[in-house]
């Protein structure tokens, strides 16, 4: 991979990370802090929704975003011809 391809690869990687982290921040900060009062008018299994987002929702959102990141990076790696391979180690 030449320098131009590496630059393009990392720009796209950083853009993906920025988008996912902004989304996570909006869910964590927005739903867990800024909009907690309106969200608390609703509940999940008897737990106020704002509280749920502050305690569990942001964590679950983060895990989903990790899965999305892995999926998108696999596609990006394939597009740029980046492969991971395991070398077999033979012990005698």
PDB file of N, CA and C in Angstrom:
ATOM      1  N   UNK A   1       0.859  -1.169   0.000  1.00  0.00           N
ATOM      2  CA  UNK A   1       0.000   0.000   0.000  1.00  0.00           C
ATOM      3  C   UNK A   1       0.907   1.233   0.000  1.00  0.00           C
ATOM      4  N   UNK A   2       0.625   2.148  -0.900  1.00  0.00           N
ATOM      5  CA  UNK A   2       1.450   3.358  -0.965  1.00  0.00           C
ATOM      6  C   UNK A   2       0.962   4.408   0.038  1.00  0.00           C
ATOM      7  N   UNK A   3       1.678   5.517   0.123  1.00  0.00           N
ATOM      8  CA  UNK A   3       1.383   6.550   1.120  1.00  0.00           C
ATOM      9  C   UNK A   3      -0.012   7.147   0.932  1.00  0.00           C
ATOM     10  N   UNK A   4      -0.421   7.330  -0.309  1.00  0.00           N
ATOM     11  CA  UNK A   4      -1.748   7.909  -0.566  1.00  0.00           C
ATOM     12  C   UNK A   4      -2.863   6.978  -0.104  1.00  0.00           C
ATOM     13  N   UNK A   5      -2.692   5.695  -0.338  1.00  0.00           N
ATOM     14  CA  UNK A   5      -3.688   4.717   0.105  1.00  0.00           C
ATOM     15  C   UNK A   5      -3.738   4.649   1.630  1.00  0.00           C
ATOM     16  N   UNK A   6      -2.569   4.686   2.275  1.00  0.00           N
ATOM     17  CA  UNK A   6      -2.541   4.669   3.746  1.00  0.00           C
ATOM     18  C   UNK A   6      -3.257   5.880   4.314  1.00  0.00           C
ATOM     19  N   UNK A   7      -3.014   7.044   3.712  1.00  0.00           N
ATOM     20  CA  UNK A   7      -3.671   8.267   4.175  1.00  0.00           C
ATOM     21  C   UNK A   7      -5.179   8.157   4.012  1.00  0.00           C
ATOM     22  N   UNK A   8      -5.629   7.661   2.874  1.00  0.00           N
ATOM     23  CA  UNK A   8      -7.055   7.492   2.629  1.00  0.00           C
ATOM     24  C   UNK A   8      -7.668   6.495   3.615  1.00  0.00           C
ATOM     25  N   UNK A   9      -6.973   5.401   3.847  1.00  0.00           N
ATOM     26  CA  UNK A   9      -7.438   4.377   4.784  1.00  0.00           C
ATOM     27  C   UNK A   9      -7.626   4.973   6.180  1.00  0.00           C
ATOM     28  N   UNK A  10      -6.617   5.699   6.667  1.00  0.00           N
ATOM     29  CA  UNK A  10      -6.695   6.243   8.019  1.00  0.00           C
ATOM     30  C   UNK A  10      -7.707   7.373   8.140  1.00  0.00           C
ATOM     31  N   UNK A  11      -7.881   8.153   7.080  1.00  0.00           N
ATOM     32  CA  UNK A  11      -8.915   9.197   7.116  1.00  0.00           C
ATOM     33  C   UNK A  11     -10.294   8.572   7.253  1.00  0.00           C
ATOM     34  N   UNK A  12     -10.538   7.513   6.508  1.00  0.00           N
ATOM     35  CA  UNK A  12     -11.835   6.842   6.593  1.00  0.00           C
ATOM     36  C   UNK A  12     -12.023   6.152   7.936  1.00  0.00           C
ATOM     37  N   UNK A  13     -10.942   5.576   8.470  1.00  0.00           N
ATOM     38  CA  UNK A  13     -10.989   4.950   9.787  1.00  0.00           C
ATOM     39  C   UNK A  13     -11.315   5.997  10.858  1.00  0.00           C
ATOM     40  N   UNK A  14     -10.616   7.118  10.826  1.00  0.00           N
ATOM     41  CA  UNK A  14     -10.854   8.170  11.819  1.00  0.00           C
ATOM     42  C   UNK A  14     -12.252   8.773  11.692  1.00  0.00           C
ATOM     43  N   UNK A  15     -12.732   8.912  10.452  1.00  0.00           N
ATOM     44  CA  UNK A  15     -14.084   9.444  10.253  1.00  0.00           C
ATOM     45  C   UNK A  15     -15.116   8.486  10.841  1.00  0.00           C
ATOM     46  N   UNK A  16     -14.938   7.185  10.624  1.00  0.00           N
ATOM     47  CA  UNK A  16     -15.841   6.189  11.197  1.00  0.00           C
ATOM     48  C   UNK A  16     -15.823   6.261  12.721  1.00  0.00           C
ATOM     49  N   UNK A  17     -14.629   6.304  13.298  1.00  0.00           N
ATOM     50  CA  UNK A  17     -14.524   6.394  14.759  1.00  0.00           C
ATOM     51  C   UNK A  17     -15.192   7.660  15.288  1.00  0.00           C
ATOM     52  N   UNK A  18     -14.981   8.777  14.617  1.00  0.00           N
ATOM     53  CA  UNK A  18     -15.573  10.043  15.062  1.00  0.00           C
ATOM     54  C   UNK A  18     -17.097   9.970  15.031  1.00  0.00           C
ATOM     55  N   UNK A  19     -17.656   9.431  13.960  1.00  0.00           N
ATOM     56  CA  UNK A  19     -19.116   9.314  13.857  1.00  0.00           C
ATOM     57  C   UNK A  19     -19.674   8.428  14.964  1.00  0.00           C
ATOM     58  N   UNK A  20     -19.041   7.285  15.189  1.00  0.00           N
ATOM     59  CA  UNK A  20     -19.521   6.362  16.214  1.00  0.00           C
ATOM     60  C   UNK A  20     -19.378   6.943  17.618  1.00  0.00           C
ATOM     61  N   UNK A  21     -18.274   7.631  17.880  1.00  0.00           N
ATOM     62  CA  UNK A  21     -18.091   8.229  19.205  1.00  0.00           C
ATOM     63  C   UNK A  21     -19.038   9.395  19.444  1.00  0.00           C
ATOM     64  N   UNK A  22     -19.328  10.166  18.423  1.00  0.00           N
ATOM     65  CA  UNK A  22     -20.310  11.257  18.571  1.00  0.00           C
ATOM     66  C   UNK A  22     -21.684  10.661  18.881  1.00  0.00           C
ATOM     67  N   UNK A  23     -22.047   9.609  18.161  1.00  0.00           N
ATOM     68  CA  UNK A  23     -23.331   8.956  18.427  1.00  0.00           C
ATOM     69  C   UNK A  23     -23.387   8.441  19.864  1.00  0.00           C
ATOM     70  N   UNK A  24     -22.310   7.797  20.326  1.00  0.00           N
ATOM     71  CA  UNK A  24     -22.267   7.291  21.693  1.00  0.00           C
ATOM     72  C   UNK A  24     -22.362   8.430  22.709  1.00  0.00           C
ATOM     73  N   UNK A  25     -21.677   9.533  22.443  1.00  0.00           N
ATOM     74  CA  UNK A  25     -21.729  10.679  23.347  1.00  0.00           C
ATOM     75  C   UNK A  25     -23.146  11.254  23.411  1.00  0.00           C
ATOM     76  N   UNK A  26     -23.801  11.326  22.258  1.00  0.00           N
ATOM     77  CA  UNK A  26     -25.173  11.832  22.243  1.00  0.00           C
ATOM     78  C   UNK A  26     -26.101  10.945  23.063  1.00  0.00           C
ATOM     79  N   UNK A  27     -25.952   9.636  22.906  1.00  0.00           N
ATOM     80  CA  UNK A  27     -26.790   8.713  23.675  1.00  0.00           C
ATOM     81  C   UNK A  27     -26.441   8.808  25.161  1.00  0.00           C
ATOM     82  N   UNK A  28     -25.156   8.767  25.480  1.00  0.00           N
ATOM     83  CA  UNK A  28     -24.735   8.781  26.882  1.00  0.00           C
ATOM     84  C   UNK A  28     -25.069  10.104  27.563  1.00  0.00           C
ATOM     85  N   UNK A  29     -24.649  11.182  26.956  1.00  0.00           N
ATOM     86  CA  UNK A  29     -24.836  12.501  27.554  1.00  0.00           C
ATOM     87  C   UNK A  29     -26.266  12.991  27.362  1.00  0.00           C
ATOM     88  N   UNK A  30     -26.769  12.839  26.144  1.00  0.00           N
ATOM     89  CA  UNK A  30     -28.106  13.334  25.853  1.00  0.00           C
ATOM     90  C   UNK A  30     -29.192  12.587  26.607  1.00  0.00           C
ATOM     91  N   UNK A  31     -29.241  11.266  26.401  1.00  0.00           N
ATOM     92  CA  UNK A  31     -30.300  10.472  27.029  1.00  0.00           C
ATOM     93  C   UNK A  31     -30.075  10.293  28.521  1.00  0.00           C
ATOM     94  N   UNK A  32     -28.835  10.227  28.952  1.00  0.00           N
ATOM     95  CA  UNK A  32     -28.538   9.979  30.366  1.00  0.00           C
ATOM     96  C   UNK A  32     -28.500  11.224  31.226  1.00  0.00           C
ATOM     97  N   UNK A  33     -28.332  12.411  30.601  1.00  0.00           N
ATOM     98  CA  UNK A  33     -28.203  13.639  31.391  1.00  0.00           C
ATOM     99  C   UNK A  33     -29.168  14.724  30.914  1.00  0.00           C
ATOM    100  N   UNK A  34     -29.038  15.129  29.653  1.00  0.00           N
ATOM    101  CA  UNK A  34     -29.819  16.269  29.158  1.00  0.00           C
ATOM    102  C   UNK A  34     -31.316  15.996  29.081  1.00  0.00           C
ATOM    103  N   UNK A  35     -31.687  14.840  28.581  1.00  0.00           N
ATOM    104  CA  UNK A  35     -33.100  14.527  28.371  1.00  0.00           C
ATOM    105  C   UNK A  35     -33.631  13.514  29.381  1.00  0.00           C
ATOM    106  N   UNK A  36     -32.974  13.420  30.529  1.00  0.00           N
ATOM    107  CA  UNK A  36     -33.355  12.402  31.511  1.00  0.00           C
ATOM    108  C   UNK A  36     -34.765  12.645  32.059  1.00  0.00           C
ATOM    109  N   UNK A  37     -35.124  13.883  32.304  1.00  0.00           N
ATOM    110  CA  UNK A  37     -36.450  14.160  32.868  1.00  0.00           C
ATOM    111  C   UNK A  37     -37.582  13.770  31.917  1.00  0.00           C
ATOM    112  N   UNK A  38     -37.549  14.212  30.656  1.00  0.00           N
ATOM    113  CA  UNK A  38     -38.621  13.775  29.743  1.00  0.00           C
ATOM    114  C   UNK A  38     -38.633  12.256  29.523  1.00  0.00           C
ATOM    115  N   UNK A  39     -37.444  11.654  29.472  1.00  0.00           N
ATOM    116  CA  UNK A  39     -37.382  10.203  29.271  1.00  0.00           C
ATOM    117  C   UNK A  39     -37.910   9.438  30.478  1.00  0.00           C
ATOM    118  N   UNK A  40     -37.794  10.029  31.657  1.00  0.00           N
ATOM    119  CA  UNK A  40     -38.261   9.351  32.865  1.00  0.00           C
ATOM    120  C   UNK A  40     -39.786   9.237  32.911  1.00  0.00           C
ATOM    121  N   UNK A  41     -40.483   9.901  31.990  1.00  0.00           N
ATOM    122  CA  UNK A  41     -41.944   9.740  31.898  1.00  0.00           C
ATOM    123  C   UNK A  41     -42.306   8.374  31.333  1.00  0.00           C
ATOM    124  N   UNK A  42     -41.341   7.697  30.755  1.00  0.00           N
ATOM    125  CA  UNK A  42     -41.535   6.351  30.220  1.00  0.00           C
ATOM    126  C   UNK A  42     -40.719   5.378  31.057  1.00  0.00           C
ATOM    127  N   UNK A  43     -41.094   4.125  31.018  1.00  0.00           N
ATOM    128  CA  UNK A  43     -40.335   3.153  31.810  1.00  0.00           C
ATOM    129  C   UNK A  43     -40.158   1.845  31.043  1.00  0.00           C
ATOM    130  N   UNK A  44     -39.110   1.131  31.430  1.00  0.00           N
ATOM    131  CA  UNK A  44     -38.822  -0.211  30.923  1.00  0.00           C
ATOM    132  C   UNK A  44     -38.839  -1.141  32.127  1.00  0.00           C
ATOM    133  N   UNK A  45     -39.786  -2.031  32.172  1.00  0.00           N
ATOM    134  CA  UNK A  45     -39.934  -2.989  33.276  1.00  0.00           C
ATOM    135  C   UNK A  45     -39.924  -2.262  34.621  1.00  0.00           C
ATOM    136  N   UNK A  46     -40.626  -1.151  34.688  1.00  0.00           N
ATOM    137  CA  UNK A  46     -40.746  -0.395  35.927  1.00  0.00           C
ATOM    138  C   UNK A  46     -39.576   0.524  36.241  1.00  0.00           C
ATOM    139  N   UNK A  47     -38.593   0.586  35.369  1.00  0.00           N
ATOM    140  CA  UNK A  47     -37.428   1.451  35.574  1.00  0.00           C
ATOM    141  C   UNK A  47     -37.572   2.674  34.671  1.00  0.00           C
ATOM    142  N   UNK A  48     -37.425   3.877  35.239  1.00  0.00           N
ATOM    143  CA  UNK A  48     -37.528   5.080  34.397  1.00  0.00           C
ATOM    144  C   UNK A  48     -36.523   5.034  33.235  1.00  0.00           C
ATOM    145  N   UNK A  49     -36.985   5.395  32.031  1.00  0.00           N
ATOM    146  CA  UNK A  49     -36.169   5.278  30.828  1.00  0.00           C
ATOM    147  C   UNK A  49     -34.887   6.108  30.891  1.00  0.00           C
ATOM    148  N   UNK A  50     -34.951   7.316  31.440  1.00  0.00           N
ATOM    149  CA  UNK A  50     -33.757   8.152  31.577  1.00  0.00           C
ATOM    150  C   UNK A  50     -32.713   7.495  32.464  1.00  0.00           C
ATOM    151  N   UNK A  51     -33.159   6.930  33.569  1.00  0.00           N
ATOM    152  CA  UNK A  51     -32.256   6.215  34.470  1.00  0.00           C
ATOM    153  C   UNK A  51     -31.668   4.992  33.768  1.00  0.00           C
ATOM    154  N   UNK A  52     -32.525   4.271  33.021  1.00  0.00           N
ATOM    155  CA  UNK A  52     -32.048   3.086  32.307  1.00  0.00           C
ATOM    156  C   UNK A  52     -30.956   3.452  31.316  1.00  0.00           C
ATOM    157  N   UNK A  53     -31.161   4.548  30.551  1.00  0.00           N
ATOM    158  CA  UNK A  53     -30.131   4.976  29.602  1.00  0.00           C
ATOM    159  C   UNK A  53     -28.846   5.338  30.323  1.00  0.00           C
ATOM    160  N   UNK A  54     -28.942   6.013  31.451  1.00  0.00           N
ATOM    161  CA  UNK A  54     -27.744   6.404  32.189  1.00  0.00           C
ATOM    162  C   UNK A  54     -27.000   5.182  32.714  1.00  0.00           C
ATOM    163  N   UNK A  55     -27.729   4.152  33.100  1.00  0.00           N
ATOM    164  CA  UNK A  55     -27.092   2.986  33.707  1.00  0.00           C
ATOM    165  C   UNK A  55     -26.752   1.878  32.710  1.00  0.00           C
ATOM    166  N   UNK A  56     -27.667   1.561  31.827  1.00  0.00           N
ATOM    167  CA  UNK A  56     -27.481   0.422  30.930  1.00  0.00           C
ATOM    168  C   UNK A  56     -27.441   0.806  29.453  1.00  0.00           C
ATOM    169  N   UNK A  57     -28.247   1.755  29.077  1.00  0.00           N
ATOM    170  CA  UNK A  57     -28.396   2.106  27.668  1.00  0.00           C
ATOM    171  C   UNK A  57     -27.112   2.557  27.014  1.00  0.00           C
ATOM    172  N   UNK A  58     -26.338   3.374  27.712  1.00  0.00           N
ATOM    173  CA  UNK A  58     -25.094   3.848  27.108  1.00  0.00           C
ATOM    174  C   UNK A  58     -24.080   2.717  26.962  1.00  0.00           C
ATOM    175  N   UNK A  59     -24.078   1.789  27.892  1.00  0.00           N
ATOM    176  CA  UNK A  59     -23.173   0.644  27.806  1.00  0.00           C
ATOM    177  C   UNK A  59     -23.574  -0.259  26.641  1.00  0.00           C
ATOM    178  N   UNK A  60     -24.868  -0.553  26.528  1.00  0.00           N
ATOM    179  CA  UNK A  60     -25.333  -1.388  25.420  1.00  0.00           C
ATOM    180  C   UNK A  60     -25.102  -0.698  24.083  1.00  0.00           C
ATOM    181  N   UNK A  61     -25.321   0.608  24.037  1.00  0.00           N
ATOM    182  CA  UNK A  61     -25.056   1.365  22.814  1.00  0.00           C
ATOM    183  C   UNK A  61     -23.587   1.252  22.438  1.00  0.00           C
ATOM    184  N   UNK A  62     -22.696   1.378  23.427  1.00  0.00           N
ATOM    185  CA  UNK A  62     -21.268   1.271  23.170  1.00  0.00           C
ATOM    186  C   UNK A  62     -20.909  -0.105  22.605  1.00  0.00           C
ATOM    187  N   UNK A  63     -21.486  -1.159  23.153  1.00  0.00           N
ATOM    188  CA  UNK A  63     -21.211  -2.511  22.655  1.00  0.00           C
ATOM    189  C   UNK A  63     -21.701  -2.685  21.224  1.00  0.00           C
ATOM    190  N   UNK A  64     -22.868  -2.141  20.921  1.00  0.00           N
ATOM    191  CA  UNK A  64     -23.387  -2.208  19.549  1.00  0.00           C
ATOM    192  C   UNK A  64     -22.476  -1.431  18.609  1.00  0.00           C
ATOM    193  N   UNK A  65     -21.997  -0.272  19.051  1.00  0.00           N
ATOM    194  CA  UNK A  65     -21.106   0.530  18.222  1.00  0.00           C
ATOM    195  C   UNK A  65     -19.773  -0.170  17.977  1.00  0.00           C
ATOM    196  N   UNK A  66     -19.294  -0.923  18.947  1.00  0.00           N
ATOM    197  CA  UNK A  66     -18.070  -1.715  18.744  1.00  0.00           C
ATOM    198  C   UNK A  66     -18.301  -2.743  17.643  1.00  0.00           C
ATOM    199  N   UNK A  67     -19.455  -3.422  17.689  1.00  0.00           N
ATOM    200  CA  UNK A  67     -19.767  -4.413  16.657  1.00  0.00           C
ATOM    201  C   UNK A  67     -19.856  -3.751  15.281  1.00  0.00           C
ATOM    202  N   UNK A  68     -20.470  -2.579  15.215  1.00  0.00           N
ATOM    203  CA  UNK A  68     -20.560  -1.848  13.950  1.00  0.00           C
ATOM    204  C   UNK A  68     -19.165  -1.464  13.470  1.00  0.00           C
ATOM    205  N   UNK A  69     -18.304  -1.011  14.378  1.00  0.00           N
ATOM    206  CA  UNK A  69     -16.936  -0.636  14.015  1.00  0.00           C
ATOM    207  C   UNK A  69     -16.179  -1.835  13.429  1.00  0.00           C
ATOM    208  N   UNK A  70     -16.285  -2.970  14.081  1.00  0.00           N
ATOM    209  CA  UNK A  70     -15.591  -4.173  13.596  1.00  0.00           C
ATOM    210  C   UNK A  70     -16.104  -4.543  12.211  1.00  0.00           C
ATOM    211  N   UNK A  71     -17.414  -4.532  12.028  1.00  0.00           N
ATOM    212  CA  UNK A  71     -18.010  -4.876  10.737  1.00  0.00           C
ATOM    213  C   UNK A  71     -17.547  -3.922   9.642  1.00  0.00           C
ATOM    214  N   UNK A  72     -17.585  -2.608   9.914  1.00  0.00           N
ATOM    215  CA  UNK A  72     -17.184  -1.616   8.912  1.00  0.00           C
ATOM    216  C   UNK A  72     -15.681  -1.678   8.629  1.00  0.00           C
ATOM    217  N   UNK A  73     -14.875  -1.920   9.654  1.00  0.00           N
ATOM    218  CA  UNK A  73     -13.430  -2.004   9.446  1.00  0.00           C
ATOM    219  C   UNK A  73     -13.063  -3.251   8.652  1.00  0.00           C
ATOM    220  N   UNK A  74     -13.780  -4.337   8.859  1.00  0.00           N
ATOM    221  CA  UNK A  74     -13.541  -5.530   8.034  1.00  0.00           C
ATOM    222  C   UNK A  74     -13.798  -5.209   6.563  1.00  0.00           C
ATOM    223  N   UNK A  75     -14.877  -4.480   6.284  1.00  0.00           N
ATOM    224  CA  UNK A  75     -15.179  -4.087   4.906  1.00  0.00           C
ATOM    225  C   UNK A  75     -14.104  -3.155   4.363  1.00  0.00           C
ATOM    226  N   UNK A  76     -13.652  -2.210   5.186  1.00  0.00           N
ATOM    227  CA  UNK A  76     -12.618  -1.269   4.762  1.00  0.00           C
ATOM    228  C   UNK A  76     -11.298  -2.001   4.504  1.00  0.00           C
ATOM    229  N   UNK A  77     -10.952  -2.921   5.390  1.00  0.00           N
ATOM    230  CA  UNK A  77      -9.728  -3.707   5.202  1.00  0.00           C
ATOM    231  C   UNK A  77      -9.768  -4.484   3.890  1.00  0.00           C
ATOM    232  N   UNK A  78     -10.900  -5.099   3.594  1.00  0.00           N
ATOM    233  CA  UNK A  78     -11.033  -5.850   2.348  1.00  0.00           C
ATOM    234  C   UNK A  78     -10.925  -4.923   1.147  1.00  0.00           C
ATOM    235  N   UNK A  79     -11.527  -3.745   1.253  1.00  0.00           N
ATOM    236  CA  UNK A  79     -11.467  -2.775   0.153  1.00  0.00           C
ATOM    237  C   UNK A  79     -10.036  -2.361  -0.156  1.00  0.00           C
ATOM    238  N   UNK A  80      -9.213  -2.226   0.901  1.00  0.00           N
ATOM    239  CA  UNK A  80      -7.829  -1.802   0.718  1.00  0.00           C
ATOM    240  C   UNK A  80      -6.860  -2.979   0.629  1.00  0.00           C
ATOM    241  N   UNK A  81      -7.380  -4.198   0.651  1.00  0.00           N
ATOM    242  CA  UNK A  81      -6.525  -5.369   0.509  1.00  0.00           C
ATOM    243  C   UNK A  81      -5.702  -5.690   1.738  1.00  0.00           C
ATOM    244  N   UNK A  82      -6.181  -5.262   2.887  1.00  0.00           N
ATOM    245  CA  UNK A  82      -5.483  -5.544   4.139  1.00  0.00           C
ATOM    246  C   UNK A  82      -6.061  -6.831   4.699  1.00  0.00           C
ATOM    247  N   UNK A  83      -5.201  -7.800   4.946  1.00  0.00           N
ATOM    248  CA  UNK A  83      -5.661  -9.075   5.473  1.00  0.00           C
ATOM    249  C   UNK A  83      -4.892  -9.415   6.730  1.00  0.00           C
ATOM    250  N   UNK A  84      -5.562 -10.143   7.579  1.00  0.00           N
ATOM    251  CA  UNK A  84      -4.904 -10.672   8.767  1.00  0.00           C
ATOM    252  C   UNK A  84      -4.736 -12.161   8.526  1.00  0.00           C
ATOM    253  N   UNK A  85      -3.601 -12.655   8.846  1.00  0.00           N
ATOM    254  CA  UNK A  85      -3.387 -14.078   8.667  1.00  0.00           C
ATOM    255  C   UNK A  85      -2.591 -14.600   9.855  1.00  0.00           C
ATOM    256  N   UNK A  86      -2.798 -15.858  10.104  1.00  0.00           N
ATOM    257  CA  UNK A  86      -2.087 -16.518  11.193  1.00  0.00           C
ATOM    258  C   UNK A  86      -0.988 -17.367  10.587  1.00  0.00           C
ATOM    259  N   UNK A  87       0.171 -17.190  11.133  1.00  0.00           N
ATOM    260  CA  UNK A  87       1.274 -18.055  10.709  1.00  0.00           C
ATOM    261  C   UNK A  87       1.275 -19.278  11.611  1.00  0.00           C
ATOM    262  N   UNK A  88       1.328 -20.418  10.992  1.00  0.00           N
ATOM    263  CA  UNK A  88       1.374 -21.636  11.775  1.00  0.00           C
ATOM    264  C   UNK A  88       2.787 -21.828  12.296  1.00  0.00           C
ATOM    265  N   UNK A  89       2.860 -22.091  13.558  1.00  0.00           N
ATOM    266  CA  UNK A  89       4.153 -22.329  14.186  1.00  0.00           C
ATOM    267  C   UNK A  89       4.285 -23.825  14.429  1.00  0.00           C
ATOM    268  N   UNK A  90       5.286 -24.416  13.857  1.00  0.00           N
ATOM    269  CA  UNK A  90       5.505 -25.850  14.001  1.00  0.00           C
ATOM    270  C   UNK A  90       6.603 -26.071  15.027  1.00  0.00           C
ATOM    271  N   UNK A  91       6.261 -26.822  16.014  1.00  0.00           N
ATOM    272  CA  UNK A  91       7.257 -27.190  17.030  1.00  0.00           C
ATOM    273  C   UNK A  91       7.727 -28.604  16.760  1.00  0.00           C
ATOM    274  N   UNK A  92       9.039 -28.813  16.819  1.00  0.00           N
ATOM    275  CA  UNK A  92       9.523 -30.168  16.578  1.00  0.00           C
ATOM    276  C   UNK A  92       9.701 -30.917  17.864  1.00  0.00           C
TER     277      UNK A  92
END
